[in-house]
C-alpha atoms as a PDB file:
ATOM      1  CA  UNK A   1      62.024 -40.157  49.230  1.00  0.00           C
ATOM      2  CA  UNK A   2      65.494 -39.219  50.519  1.00  0.00           C
ATOM      3  CA  UNK A   3      68.546 -40.203  48.669  1.00  0.00           C
ATOM      4  CA  UNK A   4      69.836 -43.530  50.126  1.00  0.00           C
ATOM      5  CA  UNK A   5      73.341 -41.699  50.054  1.00  0.00           C
ATOM      6  CA  UNK A   6      72.467 -39.543  52.555  1.00  0.00           C
ATOM      7  CA  UNK A   7      74.393 -39.883  56.039  1.00  0.00           C
ATOM      8  CA  UNK A   8      72.802 -42.076  58.614  1.00  0.00           C
ATOM      9  CA  UNK A   9      73.715 -40.872  61.896  1.00  0.00           C
ATOM     10  CA  UNK A  10      75.455 -43.870  64.104  1.00  0.00           C
ATOM     11  CA  UNK A  11      74.519 -42.656  67.757  1.00  0.00           C
ATOM     12  CA  UNK A  12      76.944 -42.807  70.551  1.00  0.00           C
ATOM     13  CA  UNK A  13      76.582 -44.148  74.212  1.00  0.00           C
ATOM     14  CA  UNK A  14      75.966 -41.257  75.506  1.00  0.00           C
ATOM     15  CA  UNK A  15      73.322 -40.402  72.680  1.00  0.00           C
ATOM     16  CA  UNK A  16      71.633 -43.538  73.054  1.00  0.00           C
ATOM     17  CA  UNK A  17      71.287 -43.367  76.692  1.00  0.00           C
ATOM     18  CA  UNK A  18      69.628 -39.905  76.500  1.00  0.00           C
ATOM     19  CA  UNK A  19      67.207 -41.635  73.663  1.00  0.00           C
ATOM     20  CA  UNK A  20      66.367 -44.379  76.278  1.00  0.00           C
ATOM     21  CA  UNK A  21      65.411 -41.583  78.367  1.00  0.00           C
ATOM     22  CA  UNK A  22      63.172 -40.375  75.994  1.00  0.00           C
ATOM     23  CA  UNK A  23      61.760 -43.032  74.719  1.00  0.00           C
ATOM     24  CA  UNK A  24      60.924 -44.345  78.113  1.00  0.00           C
ATOM     25  CA  UNK A  25      59.054 -40.932  78.794  1.00  0.00           C
ATOM     26  CA  UNK A  26      57.254 -41.194  75.697  1.00  0.00           C
ATOM     27  CA  UNK A  27      56.507 -44.781  76.642  1.00  0.00           C
ATOM     28  CA  UNK A  28      55.169 -43.810  79.787  1.00  0.00           C
ATOM     29  CA  UNK A  29      53.086 -40.886  78.368  1.00  0.00           C
ATOM     30  CA  UNK A  30      51.633 -43.208  76.227  1.00  0.00           C
ATOM     31  CA  UNK A  31      50.214 -45.334  78.675  1.00  0.00           C
ATOM     32  CA  UNK A  32      48.375 -42.599  80.800  1.00  0.00           C
ATOM     33  CA  UNK A  33      46.929 -41.388  77.958  1.00  0.00           C
ATOM     34  CA  UNK A  34      45.378 -44.795  77.051  1.00  0.00           C
ATOM     35  CA  UNK A  35      44.313 -45.126  80.560  1.00  0.00           C
ATOM     36  CA  UNK A  36      42.159 -41.864  80.147  1.00  0.00           C
ATOM     37  CA  UNK A  37      40.624 -43.022  76.726  1.00  0.00           C
ATOM     38  CA  UNK A  38      36.741 -43.340  77.085  1.00  0.00           C
ATOM     39  CA  UNK A  39      33.296 -42.517  75.241  1.00  0.00           C
ATOM     40  CA  UNK A  40      32.531 -39.186  75.765  1.00  0.00           C
ATOM     41  CA  UNK A  41      35.967 -37.861  76.060  1.00  0.00           C
ATOM     42  CA  UNK A  42      36.998 -35.037  74.069  1.00  0.00           C
ATOM     43  CA  UNK A  43      40.129 -35.151  72.098  1.00  0.00           C
ATOM     44  CA  UNK A  44      41.331 -31.939  73.712  1.00  0.00           C
ATOM     45  CA  UNK A  45      41.390 -33.569  76.859  1.00  0.00           C
ATOM     46  CA  UNK A  46      44.212 -36.006  75.619  1.00  0.00           C
ATOM     47  CA  UNK A  47      46.428 -33.190  74.541  1.00  0.00           C
ATOM     48  CA  UNK A  48      45.933 -31.295  78.112  1.00  0.00           C
ATOM     49  CA  UNK A  49      47.173 -34.543  79.895  1.00  0.00           C
ATOM     50  CA  UNK A  50      49.993 -34.938  77.369  1.00  0.00           C
ATOM     51  CA  UNK A  51      51.221 -31.509  78.417  1.00  0.00           C
ATOM     52  CA  UNK A  52      50.969 -32.644  82.098  1.00  0.00           C
ATOM     53  CA  UNK A  53      53.201 -35.468  81.387  1.00  0.00           C
ATOM     54  CA  UNK A  54      55.519 -33.546  79.350  1.00  0.00           C
ATOM     55  CA  UNK A  55      56.189 -31.145  82.246  1.00  0.00           C
ATOM     56  CA  UNK A  56      56.472 -33.924  84.491  1.00  0.00           C
ATOM     57  CA  UNK A  57      59.477 -35.142  82.617  1.00  0.00           C
ATOM     58  CA  UNK A  58      61.140 -31.756  82.228  1.00  0.00           C
ATOM     59  CA  UNK A  59      60.904 -32.694  78.762  1.00  0.00           C
ATOM     60  CA  UNK A  60      59.805 -30.414  75.230  1.00  0.00           C
ATOM     61  CA  UNK A  61      57.146 -31.562  72.837  1.00  0.00           C
ATOM     62  CA  UNK A  62      58.569 -32.645  69.642  1.00  0.00           C
ATOM     63  CA  UNK A  63      55.412 -32.032  68.035  1.00  0.00           C
ATOM     64  CA  UNK A  64      54.183 -28.286  69.343  1.00  0.00           C
ATOM     65  CA  UNK A  65      54.716 -25.591  66.148  1.00  0.00           C
ATOM     66  CA  UNK A  66      56.271 -28.100  64.226  1.00  0.00           C
ATOM     67  CA  UNK A  67      55.576 -26.879  60.299  1.00  0.00           C
ATOM     68  CA  UNK A  68      57.932 -28.470  57.961  1.00  0.00           C
ATOM     69  CA  UNK A  69      57.567 -27.376  53.988  1.00  0.00           C
ATOM     70  CA  UNK A  70      55.228 -24.281  54.795  1.00  0.00           C
ATOM     71  CA  UNK A  71      52.522 -26.128  56.773  1.00  0.00           C
ATOM     72  CA  UNK A  72      50.963 -24.328  59.310  1.00  0.00           C
ATOM     73  CA  UNK A  73      52.926 -25.042  62.927  1.00  0.00           C
ATOM     74  CA  UNK A  74      51.071 -28.186  64.338  1.00  0.00           C
ATOM     75  CA  UNK A  75      48.807 -26.589  67.415  1.00  0.00           C
ATOM     76  CA  UNK A  76      49.112 -29.688  69.859  1.00  0.00           C
ATOM     77  CA  UNK A  77      51.517 -31.898  71.509  1.00  0.00           C
ATOM     78  CA  UNK A  78      49.792 -35.129  70.346  1.00  0.00           C
ATOM     79  CA  UNK A  79      48.117 -36.221  67.263  1.00  0.00           C
ATOM     80  CA  UNK A  80      44.936 -38.011  67.726  1.00  0.00           C
ATOM     81  CA  UNK A  81      43.043 -39.669  64.885  1.00  0.00           C
ATOM     82  CA  UNK A  82      39.617 -41.275  64.760  1.00  0.00           C
ATOM     83  CA  UNK A  83      38.147 -44.197  62.542  1.00  0.00           C
ATOM     84  CA  UNK A  84      39.284 -42.660  58.917  1.00  0.00           C
ATOM     85  CA  UNK A  85      41.655 -40.412  59.867  1.00  0.00           C
ATOM     86  CA  UNK A  86      45.152 -41.505  59.450  1.00  0.00           C
ATOM     87  CA  UNK A  87      47.418 -39.805  60.853  1.00  0.00           C
ATOM     88  CA  UNK A  88      48.045 -36.133  62.340  1.00  0.00           C
ATOM     89  CA  UNK A  89      44.585 -35.465  63.561  1.00  0.00           C
ATOM     90  CA  UNK A  90      44.277 -32.250  65.841  1.00  0.00           C
ATOM     91  CA  UNK A  91      42.799 -32.521  69.285  1.00  0.00           C
ATOM     92  CA  UNK A  92      39.700 -30.658  69.576  1.00  0.00           C
ATOM     93  CA  UNK A  93      36.283 -30.866  70.691  1.00  0.00           C
ATOM     94  CA  UNK A  94      35.532 -34.002  68.803  1.00  0.00           C
ATOM     95  CA  UNK A  95      34.122 -36.567  71.437  1.00  0.00           C
ATOM     96  CA  UNK A  96      35.152 -40.181  71.361  1.00  0.00           C
ATOM     97  CA  UNK A  97      32.246 -42.832  70.564  1.00  0.00           C
ATOM     98  CA  UNK A  98      32.230 -46.581  72.109  1.00  0.00           C
ATOM     99  CA  UNK A  99      33.854 -48.451  68.971  1.00  0.00           C
ATOM    100  CA  UNK A 100      35.745 -45.897  67.479  1.00  0.00           C
ATOM    101  CA  UNK A 101      39.188 -46.619  66.392  1.00  0.00           C
ATOM    102  CA  UNK A 102      41.782 -43.831  68.029  1.00  0.00           C
ATOM    103  CA  UNK A 103      45.098 -43.811  67.029  1.00  0.00           C
ATOM    104  CA  UNK A 104      47.469 -41.691  69.453  1.00  0.00           C
ATOM    105  CA  UNK A 105      50.756 -40.386  68.224  1.00  0.00           C
ATOM    106  CA  UNK A 106      53.255 -38.615  70.472  1.00  0.00           C
ATOM    107  CA  UNK A 107      56.837 -37.468  70.622  1.00  0.00           C
ATOM    108  CA  UNK A 108      59.261 -35.739  73.117  1.00  0.00           C
ATOM    109  CA  UNK A 109      62.506 -34.269  73.314  1.00  0.00           C
ATOM    110  CA  UNK A 110      64.921 -34.997  76.372  1.00  0.00           C
ATOM    111  CA  UNK A 111      68.599 -34.008  76.924  1.00  0.00           C
ATOM    112  CA  UNK A 112      68.353 -32.949  72.988  1.00  0.00           C
ATOM    113  CA  UNK A 113      67.320 -36.364  72.269  1.00  0.00           C
ATOM    114  CA  UNK A 114      63.661 -37.180  70.719  1.00  0.00           C
ATOM    115  CA  UNK A 115      61.463 -40.315  70.980  1.00  0.00           C
ATOM    116  CA  UNK A 116      58.603 -40.961  68.981  1.00  0.00           C
ATOM    117  CA  UNK A 117      55.832 -43.325  69.353  1.00  0.00           C
ATOM    118  CA  UNK A 118      52.052 -44.437  68.593  1.00  0.00           C
ATOM    119  CA  UNK A 119      49.448 -47.024  68.759  1.00  0.00           C
ATOM    120  CA  UNK A 120      45.712 -47.364  67.853  1.00  0.00           C
ATOM    121  CA  UNK A 121      42.875 -49.026  70.306  1.00  0.00           C
ATOM    122  CA  UNK A 122      39.351 -49.378  70.397  1.00  0.00           C
ATOM    123  CA  UNK A 123      37.165 -46.700  72.685  1.00  0.00           C
ATOM    124  CA  UNK A 124      35.512 -48.495  75.040  1.00  0.00           C
ATOM    125  CA  UNK A 125      34.270 -52.343  75.432  1.00  0.00           C
ATOM    126  CA  UNK A 126      32.045 -52.158  72.525  1.00  0.00           C
ATOM    127  CA  UNK A 127      32.557 -54.948  70.324  1.00  0.00           C
ATOM    128  CA  UNK A 128      34.035 -54.078  66.597  1.00  0.00           C
ATOM    129  CA  UNK A 129      35.836 -57.224  65.255  1.00  0.00           C
ATOM    130  CA  UNK A 130      36.819 -55.315  61.879  1.00  0.00           C
ATOM    131  CA  UNK A 131      38.541 -52.744  63.787  1.00  0.00           C
ATOM    132  CA  UNK A 132      39.920 -55.363  66.186  1.00  0.00           C
ATOM    133  CA  UNK A 133      41.521 -57.247  63.286  1.00  0.00           C
ATOM    134  CA  UNK A 134      42.805 -54.279  61.627  1.00  0.00           C
ATOM    135  CA  UNK A 135      44.364 -53.076  64.751  1.00  0.00           C
ATOM    136  CA  UNK A 136      46.105 -56.409  65.661  1.00  0.00           C
ATOM    137  CA  UNK A 137      47.171 -56.915  61.740  1.00  0.00           C
ATOM    138  CA  UNK A 138      48.657 -53.252  61.832  1.00  0.00           C
ATOM    139  CA  UNK A 139      50.862 -53.870  65.667  1.00  0.00           C
ATOM    140  CA  UNK A 140      51.977 -57.190  63.886  1.00  0.00           C
ATOM    141  CA  UNK A 141      53.099 -55.563  61.144  1.00  0.00           C
ATOM    142  CA  UNK A 142      55.197 -53.093  63.412  1.00  0.00           C
ATOM    143  CA  UNK A 143      56.827 -55.902  64.790  1.00  0.00           C
ATOM    144  CA  UNK A 144      57.403 -57.661  61.208  1.00  0.00           C
ATOM    145  CA  UNK A 145      59.396 -54.549  60.218  1.00  0.00           C
ATOM    146  CA  UNK A 146      61.220 -55.048  63.389  1.00  0.00           C
ATOM    147  CA  UNK A 147      62.594 -58.226  62.973  1.00  0.00           C
ATOM    148  CA  UNK A 148      64.733 -57.060  59.940  1.00  0.00           C
ATOM    149  CA  UNK A 149      66.398 -54.358  62.086  1.00  0.00           C
ATOM    150  CA  UNK A 150      69.262 -56.348  62.429  1.00  0.00           C
ATOM    151  CA  UNK A 151      72.853 -55.482  61.206  1.00  0.00           C
ATOM    152  CA  UNK A 152      73.391 -56.651  57.691  1.00  0.00           C
ATOM    153  CA  UNK A 153      70.014 -56.371  56.648  1.00  0.00           C
ATOM    154  CA  UNK A 154      68.839 -53.539  54.136  1.00  0.00           C
ATOM    155  CA  UNK A 155      66.792 -50.543  54.790  1.00  0.00           C
ATOM    156  CA  UNK A 156      63.988 -51.796  52.231  1.00  0.00           C
ATOM    157  CA  UNK A 157      64.016 -55.028  53.990  1.00  0.00           C
ATOM    158  CA  UNK A 158      62.121 -53.408  57.029  1.00  0.00           C
ATOM    159  CA  UNK A 159      59.374 -51.745  54.649  1.00  0.00           C
ATOM    160  CA  UNK A 160      59.070 -54.915  52.580  1.00  0.00           C
ATOM    161  CA  UNK A 161      57.975 -56.919  55.659  1.00  0.00           C
ATOM    162  CA  UNK A 162      55.409 -54.736  56.839  1.00  0.00           C
ATOM    163  CA  UNK A 163      54.101 -54.399  53.211  1.00  0.00           C
ATOM    164  CA  UNK A 164      53.833 -58.357  52.641  1.00  0.00           C
ATOM    165  CA  UNK A 165      51.956 -59.176  56.244  1.00  0.00           C
ATOM    166  CA  UNK A 166      49.757 -56.232  55.878  1.00  0.00           C
ATOM    167  CA  UNK A 167      48.419 -57.211  52.456  1.00  0.00           C
ATOM    168  CA  UNK A 168      48.380 -61.092  53.116  1.00  0.00           C
ATOM    169  CA  UNK A 169      45.753 -59.627  55.685  1.00  0.00           C
ATOM    170  CA  UNK A 170      43.919 -57.982  52.804  1.00  0.00           C
ATOM    171  CA  UNK A 171      44.453 -54.913  53.811  1.00  0.00           C
ATOM    172  CA  UNK A 172      46.610 -51.606  52.621  1.00  0.00           C
ATOM    173  CA  UNK A 173      49.586 -49.799  53.368  1.00  0.00           C
ATOM    174  CA  UNK A 174      49.652 -46.208  53.288  1.00  0.00           C
ATOM    175  CA  UNK A 175      52.312 -45.303  50.982  1.00  0.00           C
ATOM    176  CA  UNK A 176      52.286 -41.332  51.444  1.00  0.00           C
ATOM    177  CA  UNK A 177      53.751 -41.365  55.016  1.00  0.00           C
ATOM    178  CA  UNK A 178      56.897 -43.128  55.900  1.00  0.00           C
ATOM    179  CA  UNK A 179      59.084 -43.877  59.055  1.00  0.00           C
ATOM    180  CA  UNK A 180      62.219 -41.967  59.623  1.00  0.00           C
ATOM    181  CA  UNK A 181      65.578 -41.497  61.142  1.00  0.00           C
ATOM    182  CA  UNK A 182      65.583 -40.024  64.568  1.00  0.00           C
ATOM    183  CA  UNK A 183      67.894 -38.240  67.399  1.00  0.00           C
ATOM    184  CA  UNK A 184      68.788 -34.572  67.633  1.00  0.00           C
ATOM    185  CA  UNK A 185      65.795 -34.034  65.395  1.00  0.00           C
ATOM    186  CA  UNK A 186      62.420 -35.839  65.418  1.00  0.00           C
ATOM    187  CA  UNK A 187      62.995 -36.439  61.416  1.00  0.00           C
ATOM    188  CA  UNK A 188      66.413 -37.458  60.470  1.00  0.00           C
ATOM    189  CA  UNK A 189      67.568 -39.618  57.234  1.00  0.00           C
ATOM    190  CA  UNK A 190      66.552 -41.706  55.878  1.00  0.00           C
ATOM    191  CA  UNK A 191      62.725 -41.902  55.263  1.00  0.00           C
ATOM    192  CA  UNK A 192      61.632 -45.958  55.435  1.00  0.00           C
ATOM    193  CA  UNK A 193      59.026 -46.355  53.465  1.00  0.00           C
ATOM    194  CA  UNK A 194      56.149 -49.308  54.966  1.00  0.00           C
ATOM    195  CA  UNK A 195      56.738 -50.958  51.404  1.00  0.00           C
ATOM    196  CA  UNK A 196      58.901 -52.105  48.613  1.00  0.00           C
ATOM    197  CA  UNK A 197      61.412 -54.660  47.300  1.00  0.00           C
ATOM    198  CA  UNK A 198      63.219 -56.268  49.511  1.00  0.00           C
ATOM    199  CA  UNK A 199      67.333 -56.128  49.536  1.00  0.00           C
ATOM    200  CA  UNK A 200      67.878 -52.123  48.536  1.00  0.00           C
ATOM    201  CA  UNK A 201      69.236 -49.502  50.042  1.00  0.00           C
ATOM    202  CA  UNK A 202      71.614 -49.060  52.650  1.00  0.00           C
ATOM    203  CA  UNK A 203      72.896 -52.073  54.992  1.00  0.00           C
ATOM    204  CA  UNK A 204      72.027 -51.494  58.920  1.00  0.00           C
ATOM    205  CA  UNK A 205      74.718 -50.697  61.389  1.00  0.00           C
ATOM    206  CA  UNK A 206      74.227 -51.104  65.150  1.00  0.00           C
ATOM    207  CA  UNK A 207      73.802 -47.670  66.545  1.00  0.00           C
ATOM    208  CA  UNK A 208      71.363 -46.850  63.961  1.00  0.00           C
ATOM    209  CA  UNK A 209      67.774 -45.424  65.398  1.00  0.00           C
ATOM    210  CA  UNK A 210      64.810 -45.647  63.286  1.00  0.00           C
ATOM    211  CA  UNK A 211      60.922 -44.413  64.112  1.00  0.00           C
ATOM    212  CA  UNK A 212      59.091 -47.420  62.295  1.00  0.00           C
ATOM    213  CA  UNK A 213      55.675 -46.709  61.757  1.00  0.00           C
ATOM    214  CA  UNK A 214      52.793 -48.529  59.461  1.00  0.00           C
ATOM    215  CA  UNK A 215      49.561 -46.737  58.564  1.00  0.00           C
ATOM    216  CA  UNK A 216      47.153 -49.605  57.375  1.00  0.00           C
ATOM    217  CA  UNK A 217      43.867 -48.983  55.806  1.00  0.00           C
ATOM    218  CA  UNK A 218      40.935 -51.487  55.559  1.00  0.00           C
ATOM    219  CA  UNK A 219      40.216 -49.980  51.954  1.00  0.00           C
ATOM    220  CA  UNK A 220      42.511 -48.688  49.410  1.00  0.00           C
ATOM    221  CA  UNK A 221      45.801 -46.870  50.152  1.00  0.00           C
ATOM    222  CA  UNK A 222      44.397 -43.194  48.905  1.00  0.00           C
ATOM    223  CA  UNK A 223      45.099 -40.408  51.311  1.00  0.00           C
ATOM    224  CA  UNK A 224      42.733 -37.256  51.450  1.00  0.00           C
ATOM    225  CA  UNK A 225      44.114 -33.971  53.212  1.00  0.00           C
ATOM    226  CA  UNK A 226      41.479 -31.785  55.456  1.00  0.00           C
ATOM    227  CA  UNK A 227      41.392 -28.384  55.280  1.00  0.00           C
ATOM    228  CA  UNK A 228      43.454 -27.800  58.201  1.00  0.00           C
ATOM    229  CA  UNK A 229      46.484 -29.030  56.236  1.00  0.00           C
ATOM    230  CA  UNK A 230      47.500 -31.635  58.661  1.00  0.00           C
ATOM    231  CA  UNK A 231      44.556 -34.100  59.139  1.00  0.00           C
ATOM    232  CA  UNK A 232      44.754 -36.977  56.684  1.00  0.00           C
ATOM    233  CA  UNK A 233      42.068 -39.264  56.197  1.00  0.00           C
ATOM    234  CA  UNK A 234      41.533 -42.508  54.047  1.00  0.00           C
ATOM    235  CA  UNK A 235      40.043 -41.219  50.696  1.00  0.00           C
ATOM    236  CA  UNK A 236      36.991 -43.950  50.660  1.00  0.00           C
ATOM    237  CA  UNK A 237      36.344 -43.269  54.150  1.00  0.00           C
ATOM    238  CA  UNK A 238      37.291 -46.753  55.783  1.00  0.00           C
ATOM    239  CA  UNK A 239      39.017 -47.204  58.751  1.00  0.00           C
ATOM    240  CA  UNK A 240      42.971 -47.059  59.566  1.00  0.00           C
ATOM    241  CA  UNK A 241      45.177 -47.841  62.259  1.00  0.00           C
ATOM    242  CA  UNK A 242      48.674 -46.692  63.193  1.00  0.00           C
ATOM    243  CA  UNK A 243      51.612 -48.208  65.119  1.00  0.00           C
ATOM    244  CA  UNK A 244      55.147 -46.815  65.997  1.00  0.00           C
ATOM    245  CA  UNK A 245      57.876 -47.452  67.670  1.00  0.00           C
ATOM    246  CA  UNK A 246      61.487 -45.603  67.947  1.00  0.00           C
ATOM    247  CA  UNK A 247      64.203 -48.488  67.738  1.00  0.00           C
ATOM    248  CA  UNK A 248      68.039 -48.782  67.900  1.00  0.00           C
ATOM    249  CA  UNK A 249      69.977 -51.382  66.142  1.00  0.00           C
ATOM    250  CA  UNK A 250      72.437 -53.290  68.106  1.00  0.00           C
ATOM    251  CA  UNK A 251      74.760 -56.281  67.626  1.00  0.00           C
ATOM    252  CA  UNK A 252      72.027 -58.655  69.303  1.00  0.00           C
ATOM    253  CA  UNK A 253      69.226 -57.352  67.408  1.00  0.00           C
ATOM    254  CA  UNK A 254      66.444 -54.426  67.866  1.00  0.00           C
ATOM    255  CA  UNK A 255      66.176 -52.888  71.256  1.00  0.00           C
ATOM    256  CA  UNK A 256      62.533 -50.960  71.171  1.00  0.00           C
ATOM    257  CA  UNK A 257      63.692 -47.528  73.070  1.00  0.00           C
ATOM    258  CA  UNK A 258      59.598 -46.525  73.228  1.00  0.00           C
ATOM    259  CA  UNK A 259      58.560 -49.587  75.385  1.00  0.00           C
ATOM    260  CA  UNK A 260      57.751 -50.102  78.989  1.00  0.00           C
ATOM    261  CA  UNK A 261      55.996 -52.988  80.751  1.00  0.00           C
ATOM    262  CA  UNK A 262      52.097 -53.059  79.709  1.00  0.00           C
ATOM    263  CA  UNK A 263      52.860 -51.004  76.352  1.00  0.00           C
ATOM    264  CA  UNK A 264      52.035 -52.223  72.863  1.00  0.00           C
END
């Protein structure tokens, strides 16, 4: 976890406007991807469509060729994680089946600034009550965290709210992956865990922008990495879900920058 003393950027009005443009393009792309999710679809098709959307917006991918800490460069512009896959699933020849849980994570850069967002959904119309509840609790936990994003609150209040909602529902918060600051870089200080005690860390100030992204497992919070060095799966093979928004702190409360009409 990054030291809390690290500088947290306060965005200027111009920078905020640029991030709004990036966030809107991310939200519109995710809506387009959602509409194409159906049984039998190869996950590589979502990457192809996302590349078309990036080109349409005159943007750059935040994900393609990203490789921090010695990881191999990420080979796609979108992450597609299915069922027990928690995050960073690489699109390929896998075909989606009715009732699958699919999590789609996407980011792009416009005008030198990034937007980042993710959602989970059930493929097709096949009923899957366990998956439906997991997805709803995960989405709700994101918004529980967002409620804490007001001036004067502290960083750890966000993760504490997420954790309490998830654990009250009987699920586990993934601790290995966290939210983050975002702006000129896709990942900026601070790291924002989805768990922890409240009332700790830096106070939140208007102009701070964070990507909040709870990942929630049906079973334990254990994580196992696949041989591709990117795809993280649940250690016990049970389902996982993931939601994320890029959020600006304002005097009037949180502004979700990656949301348009019809999005999560």
